[in-house]
Amino acid sequence: MIKIYHNPRCRKSREGLAILEESNKVFEVVKYLEEVPTKEELTKIISLLGINTEDLLRKGESIWKEKYKGKNYTEEELIDIMLANPKLIERPIIVNGKKAVIGRPPQNILKII
């Protein structure tokens, strides 16, 4: 089952959702600001993406700049920060089985659906 971790207020996330809708594939929408992933779920997503935890952070967000910027964190601490502040999670994230991509640019989604 394909899952999109989606923020309806984000243009790139809406573009990613449109790609999935046009694909006619069955998928689940997770509005991750409302349905925050579990620690295990987020850890698995990062593993599927094949990236460092830090690469999933939206460092341009004011909350990052005001509270966290300039400090060193472990991978686990970064995950806890994202779970406490889901707005800091890059979006959209699309998971399809054992594959995942960040939909930036949205065309990345085509690689795994």
N, C-alpha and C. Protein backbone atom coordinates (compact mmCIF):
# COMPACT_ATOMS: atom_id res chain seq x y z
N MET A 1 0.84 -1.19 0.00
CA MET A 1 0.00 0.00 0.00
C MET A 1 0.88 1.25 0.00
N ILE A 2 0.57 2.17 -0.86
CA ILE A 2 1.29 3.44 -0.94
C ILE A 2 0.73 4.38 0.12
N LYS A 3 1.65 5.09 0.78
CA LYS A 3 1.26 6.09 1.78
C LYS A 3 1.92 7.40 1.44
N ILE A 4 1.17 8.49 1.57
CA ILE A 4 1.75 9.82 1.43
C ILE A 4 1.59 10.55 2.75
N TYR A 5 2.70 11.01 3.28
CA TYR A 5 2.68 11.85 4.48
C TYR A 5 2.54 13.27 3.95
N HIS A 6 1.39 13.86 4.20
CA HIS A 6 0.91 15.02 3.46
C HIS A 6 0.58 16.18 4.40
N ASN A 7 0.94 17.38 3.93
CA ASN A 7 0.53 18.61 4.59
C ASN A 7 -0.28 19.41 3.56
N PRO A 8 -1.61 19.48 3.73
CA PRO A 8 -2.45 20.14 2.73
C PRO A 8 -2.09 21.61 2.49
N ARG A 9 -1.39 22.24 3.42
CA ARG A 9 -1.05 23.66 3.25
C ARG A 9 0.22 23.86 2.43
N CYS A 10 0.89 22.78 2.08
CA CYS A 10 2.15 22.84 1.34
C CYS A 10 1.91 22.59 -0.14
N ARG A 11 2.38 23.49 -0.98
CA ARG A 11 2.17 23.37 -2.42
C ARG A 11 2.82 22.10 -2.98
N LYS A 12 4.05 21.80 -2.58
CA LYS A 12 4.73 20.60 -3.08
C LYS A 12 3.99 19.34 -2.64
N SER A 13 3.46 19.37 -1.43
CA SER A 13 2.71 18.22 -0.94
C SER A 13 1.42 18.04 -1.74
N ARG A 14 0.76 19.13 -2.06
CA ARG A 14 -0.46 19.05 -2.88
C ARG A 14 -0.13 18.54 -4.28
N GLU A 15 1.01 18.98 -4.83
CA GLU A 15 1.43 18.50 -6.15
C GLU A 15 1.71 16.99 -6.09
N GLY A 16 2.33 16.55 -5.02
CA GLY A 16 2.60 15.12 -4.85
C GLY A 16 1.32 14.31 -4.76
N LEU A 17 0.36 14.83 -4.02
CA LEU A 17 -0.94 14.16 -3.90
C LEU A 17 -1.62 14.06 -5.26
N ALA A 18 -1.51 15.10 -6.06
CA ALA A 18 -2.11 15.10 -7.40
C ALA A 18 -1.49 14.02 -8.27
N ILE A 19 -0.18 13.83 -8.17
CA ILE A 19 0.49 12.78 -8.94
C ILE A 19 -0.06 11.42 -8.55
N LEU A 20 -0.24 11.19 -7.25
CA LEU A 20 -0.79 9.91 -6.80
C LEU A 20 -2.23 9.72 -7.28
N GLU A 21 -3.02 10.79 -7.22
CA GLU A 21 -4.41 10.70 -7.67
C GLU A 21 -4.48 10.36 -9.16
N GLU A 22 -3.59 10.96 -9.94
CA GLU A 22 -3.57 10.72 -11.39
C GLU A 22 -3.08 9.32 -11.72
N SER A 23 -2.33 8.70 -10.81
CA SER A 23 -1.77 7.37 -11.07
C SER A 23 -2.83 6.27 -11.00
N ASN A 24 -3.98 6.59 -10.43
CA ASN A 24 -5.06 5.62 -10.23
C ASN A 24 -4.66 4.45 -9.36
N LYS A 25 -3.61 4.62 -8.57
CA LYS A 25 -3.21 3.57 -7.63
C LYS A 25 -3.89 3.81 -6.29
N VAL A 26 -4.06 2.75 -5.53
CA VAL A 26 -4.66 2.87 -4.21
C VAL A 26 -3.59 3.41 -3.26
N PHE A 27 -3.94 4.42 -2.48
CA PHE A 27 -2.98 4.97 -1.53
C PHE A 27 -3.71 5.53 -0.33
N GLU A 28 -2.94 5.71 0.72
CA GLU A 28 -3.47 6.26 1.97
C GLU A 28 -2.81 7.62 2.21
N VAL A 29 -3.63 8.58 2.62
CA VAL A 29 -3.12 9.91 2.95
C VAL A 29 -2.99 10.01 4.47
N VAL A 30 -1.79 10.36 4.91
CA VAL A 30 -1.55 10.58 6.34
C VAL A 30 -1.25 12.07 6.51
N LYS A 31 -2.16 12.77 7.14
CA LYS A 31 -1.93 14.19 7.44
C LYS A 31 -1.08 14.23 8.70
N TYR A 32 0.24 14.20 8.49
CA TYR A 32 1.17 13.96 9.59
C TYR A 32 1.21 15.06 10.64
N LEU A 33 0.68 16.23 10.36
CA LEU A 33 0.61 17.26 11.40
C LEU A 33 -0.48 16.92 12.41
N GLU A 34 -1.51 16.19 11.94
CA GLU A 34 -2.61 15.77 12.81
C GLU A 34 -2.38 14.36 13.35
N GLU A 35 -1.87 13.47 12.50
CA GLU A 35 -1.60 12.08 12.87
C GLU A 35 -0.09 11.90 12.88
N VAL A 36 0.56 12.39 13.93
CA VAL A 36 2.02 12.36 14.01
C VAL A 36 2.49 10.90 14.02
N PRO A 37 3.47 10.58 13.17
CA PRO A 37 3.96 9.20 13.16
C PRO A 37 4.56 8.82 14.52
N THR A 38 4.62 7.53 14.78
CA THR A 38 5.29 7.06 15.99
C THR A 38 6.79 7.15 15.76
N LYS A 39 7.53 7.02 16.83
CA LYS A 39 8.99 7.04 16.73
C LYS A 39 9.47 5.90 15.83
N GLU A 40 8.86 4.72 15.99
CA GLU A 40 9.24 3.57 15.17
C GLU A 40 8.94 3.83 13.70
N GLU A 41 7.78 4.41 13.44
CA GLU A 41 7.38 4.70 12.07
C GLU A 41 8.34 5.70 11.42
N LEU A 42 8.67 6.77 12.13
CA LEU A 42 9.56 7.78 11.58
C LEU A 42 10.96 7.21 11.37
N THR A 43 11.42 6.39 12.30
CA THR A 43 12.72 5.74 12.16
C THR A 43 12.74 4.85 10.91
N LYS A 44 11.67 4.10 10.70
CA LYS A 44 11.58 3.22 9.53
C LYS A 44 11.57 4.04 8.23
N ILE A 45 10.82 5.15 8.23
CA ILE A 45 10.76 6.01 7.04
C ILE A 45 12.15 6.52 6.70
N ILE A 46 12.89 6.97 7.69
CA ILE A 46 14.24 7.49 7.46
C ILE A 46 15.12 6.40 6.88
N SER A 47 14.98 5.19 7.40
CA SER A 47 15.74 4.05 6.89
C SER A 47 15.37 3.76 5.43
N LEU A 48 14.08 3.76 5.13
CA LEU A 48 13.64 3.50 3.75
C LEU A 48 14.12 4.58 2.79
N LEU A 49 14.17 5.81 3.29
CA LEU A 49 14.65 6.92 2.45
C LEU A 49 16.15 6.80 2.20
N GLY A 50 16.86 6.13 3.11
CA GLY A 50 18.31 5.99 2.96
C GLY A 50 19.05 7.30 3.17
N ILE A 51 18.55 8.11 4.09
CA ILE A 51 19.16 9.42 4.35
C ILE A 51 19.53 9.53 5.83
N ASN A 52 20.31 10.54 6.15
CA ASN A 52 20.56 10.87 7.55
C ASN A 52 19.32 11.56 8.10
N THR A 53 19.08 11.37 9.36
CA THR A 53 17.91 11.99 10.00
C THR A 53 17.88 13.49 9.75
N GLU A 54 19.03 14.11 9.83
CA GLU A 54 19.13 15.56 9.65
C GLU A 54 18.60 16.00 8.27
N ASP A 55 18.72 15.12 7.28
CA ASP A 55 18.28 15.47 5.92
C ASP A 55 16.76 15.51 5.79
N LEU A 56 16.04 15.06 6.80
CA LEU A 56 14.58 15.10 6.78
C LEU A 56 14.04 16.34 7.49
N LEU A 57 14.95 17.12 8.06
CA LEU A 57 14.56 18.32 8.81
C LEU A 57 14.35 19.52 7.89
N ARG A 58 13.33 20.28 8.19
CA ARG A 58 13.09 21.56 7.51
C ARG A 58 13.75 22.64 8.35
N LYS A 59 15.01 22.92 8.04
CA LYS A 59 15.79 23.85 8.86
C LYS A 59 15.43 25.32 8.61
N GLY A 60 14.61 25.58 7.61
CA GLY A 60 14.19 26.95 7.35
C GLY A 60 13.02 27.40 8.21
N GLU A 61 12.41 26.45 8.92
CA GLU A 61 11.26 26.78 9.77
C GLU A 61 11.72 27.60 10.98
N SER A 62 10.89 28.57 11.36
CA SER A 62 11.25 29.45 12.47
C SER A 62 11.47 28.69 13.77
N ILE A 63 10.70 27.66 14.02
CA ILE A 63 10.85 26.91 15.26
C ILE A 63 12.24 26.27 15.35
N TRP A 64 12.79 25.81 14.21
CA TRP A 64 14.15 25.25 14.21
C TRP A 64 15.16 26.35 14.51
N LYS A 65 15.02 27.47 13.82
CA LYS A 65 15.96 28.57 13.99
C LYS A 65 15.95 29.11 15.41
N GLU A 66 14.76 29.19 16.01
CA GLU A 66 14.62 29.79 17.35
C GLU A 66 15.04 28.85 18.47
N LYS A 67 14.78 27.55 18.32
CA LYS A 67 14.99 26.63 19.44
C LYS A 67 16.16 25.67 19.30
N TYR A 68 16.50 25.30 18.06
CA TYR A 68 17.42 24.17 17.89
C TYR A 68 18.69 24.46 17.09
N LYS A 69 18.68 25.46 16.26
CA LYS A 69 19.80 25.74 15.36
C LYS A 69 21.11 25.93 16.14
N GLY A 70 22.18 25.42 15.55
CA GLY A 70 23.51 25.64 16.10
C GLY A 70 23.91 24.68 17.20
N LYS A 71 23.08 23.70 17.49
CA LYS A 71 23.40 22.72 18.52
C LYS A 71 23.60 21.36 17.86
N ASN A 72 24.31 20.48 18.54
CA ASN A 72 24.53 19.13 18.02
C ASN A 72 23.55 18.17 18.66
N TYR A 73 22.96 17.31 17.83
CA TYR A 73 21.97 16.35 18.32
C TYR A 73 22.31 14.96 17.79
N THR A 74 21.95 13.95 18.56
CA THR A 74 22.06 12.58 18.07
C THR A 74 20.91 12.33 17.10
N GLU A 75 21.01 11.23 16.36
CA GLU A 75 19.92 10.86 15.45
C GLU A 75 18.61 10.72 16.24
N GLU A 76 18.68 10.07 17.39
CA GLU A 76 17.48 9.85 18.21
C GLU A 76 16.90 11.18 18.71
N GLU A 77 17.77 12.10 19.10
CA GLU A 77 17.28 13.41 19.56
C GLU A 77 16.60 14.16 18.41
N LEU A 78 17.15 14.06 17.20
CA LEU A 78 16.54 14.72 16.05
C LEU A 78 15.16 14.13 15.75
N ILE A 79 15.03 12.82 15.88
CA ILE A 79 13.72 12.18 15.68
C ILE A 79 12.74 12.69 16.73
N ASP A 80 13.18 12.76 17.99
CA ASP A 80 12.31 13.28 19.06
C ASP A 80 11.89 14.72 18.79
N ILE A 81 12.81 15.53 18.27
CA ILE A 81 12.50 16.93 17.94
C ILE A 81 11.44 16.98 16.85
N MET A 82 11.58 16.14 15.82
CA MET A 82 10.60 16.13 14.73
C MET A 82 9.23 15.64 15.22
N LEU A 83 9.23 14.66 16.10
CA LEU A 83 7.95 14.16 16.62
C LEU A 83 7.26 15.21 17.48
N ALA A 84 8.04 15.99 18.23
CA ALA A 84 7.47 17.05 19.06
C ALA A 84 7.05 18.26 18.21
N ASN A 85 7.67 18.40 17.04
CA ASN A 85 7.41 19.52 16.14
C ASN A 85 7.27 18.98 14.71
N PRO A 86 6.17 18.29 14.40
CA PRO A 86 6.06 17.64 13.09
C PRO A 86 6.16 18.59 11.90
N LYS A 87 5.99 19.88 12.13
CA LYS A 87 6.15 20.85 11.06
C LYS A 87 7.58 20.82 10.51
N LEU A 88 8.51 20.31 11.31
CA LEU A 88 9.91 20.25 10.90
C LEU A 88 10.21 19.07 9.98
N ILE A 89 9.24 18.18 9.77
CA ILE A 89 9.45 17.02 8.90
C ILE A 89 9.26 17.44 7.44
N GLU A 90 10.26 17.16 6.62
CA GLU A 90 10.16 17.47 5.19
C GLU A 90 8.97 16.75 4.58
N ARG A 91 8.37 17.35 3.58
CA ARG A 91 7.18 16.78 2.95
C ARG A 91 7.14 17.08 1.48
N PRO A 92 6.35 16.31 0.76
CA PRO A 92 5.67 15.09 1.17
C PRO A 92 6.62 13.91 1.16
N ILE A 93 6.30 12.92 1.95
CA ILE A 93 7.05 11.65 1.94
C ILE A 93 6.09 10.60 1.39
N ILE A 94 6.58 9.83 0.43
CA ILE A 94 5.78 8.78 -0.14
C ILE A 94 6.48 7.46 0.14
N VAL A 95 5.73 6.51 0.71
CA VAL A 95 6.26 5.19 1.02
C VAL A 95 5.47 4.18 0.21
N ASN A 96 6.19 3.31 -0.47
CA ASN A 96 5.57 2.23 -1.25
C ASN A 96 6.33 0.95 -0.93
N GLY A 97 5.79 0.16 -0.02
CA GLY A 97 6.46 -1.08 0.37
C GLY A 97 7.79 -0.79 1.04
N LYS A 98 8.87 -1.25 0.42
CA LYS A 98 10.20 -1.07 0.99
C LYS A 98 10.95 0.10 0.35
N LYS A 99 10.21 0.97 -0.32
CA LYS A 99 10.81 2.14 -0.96
C LYS A 99 10.14 3.39 -0.44
N ALA A 100 10.90 4.48 -0.41
CA ALA A 100 10.34 5.77 0.00
C ALA A 100 11.10 6.89 -0.69
N VAL A 101 10.41 7.98 -0.94
CA VAL A 101 11.04 9.18 -1.50
C VAL A 101 10.42 10.40 -0.85
N ILE A 102 11.19 11.47 -0.87
CA ILE A 102 10.66 12.79 -0.53
C ILE A 102 10.22 13.39 -1.87
N GLY A 103 9.00 13.86 -1.93
CA GLY A 103 8.45 14.39 -3.18
C GLY A 103 8.89 15.81 -3.48
N ARG A 104 10.17 16.03 -3.45
CA ARG A 104 10.76 17.33 -3.82
C ARG A 104 11.92 17.05 -4.75
N PRO A 105 11.78 17.25 -6.01
CA PRO A 105 10.58 17.70 -6.71
C PRO A 105 9.52 16.59 -6.75
N PRO A 106 8.28 16.97 -6.99
CA PRO A 106 7.20 15.99 -6.99
C PRO A 106 7.42 14.82 -7.95
N GLN A 107 8.18 15.04 -9.02
CA GLN A 107 8.44 13.97 -9.98
C GLN A 107 9.19 12.79 -9.37
N ASN A 108 9.86 13.01 -8.22
CA ASN A 108 10.52 11.90 -7.51
C ASN A 108 9.54 10.77 -7.21
N ILE A 109 8.29 11.11 -7.03
CA ILE A 109 7.26 10.13 -6.67
C ILE A 109 7.12 9.08 -7.77
N LEU A 110 7.31 9.48 -9.01
CA LEU A 110 7.14 8.56 -10.13
C LEU A 110 8.13 7.40 -10.07
N LYS A 111 9.25 7.59 -9.35
CA LYS A 111 10.27 6.54 -9.26
C LYS A 111 9.80 5.32 -8.48
N ILE A 112 8.79 5.50 -7.59
CA ILE A 112 8.43 4.37 -6.72
C ILE A 112 6.96 3.94 -6.84
N ILE A 113 6.20 4.56 -7.72
CA ILE A 113 4.79 4.12 -7.82
C ILE A 113 4.57 3.28 -9.06
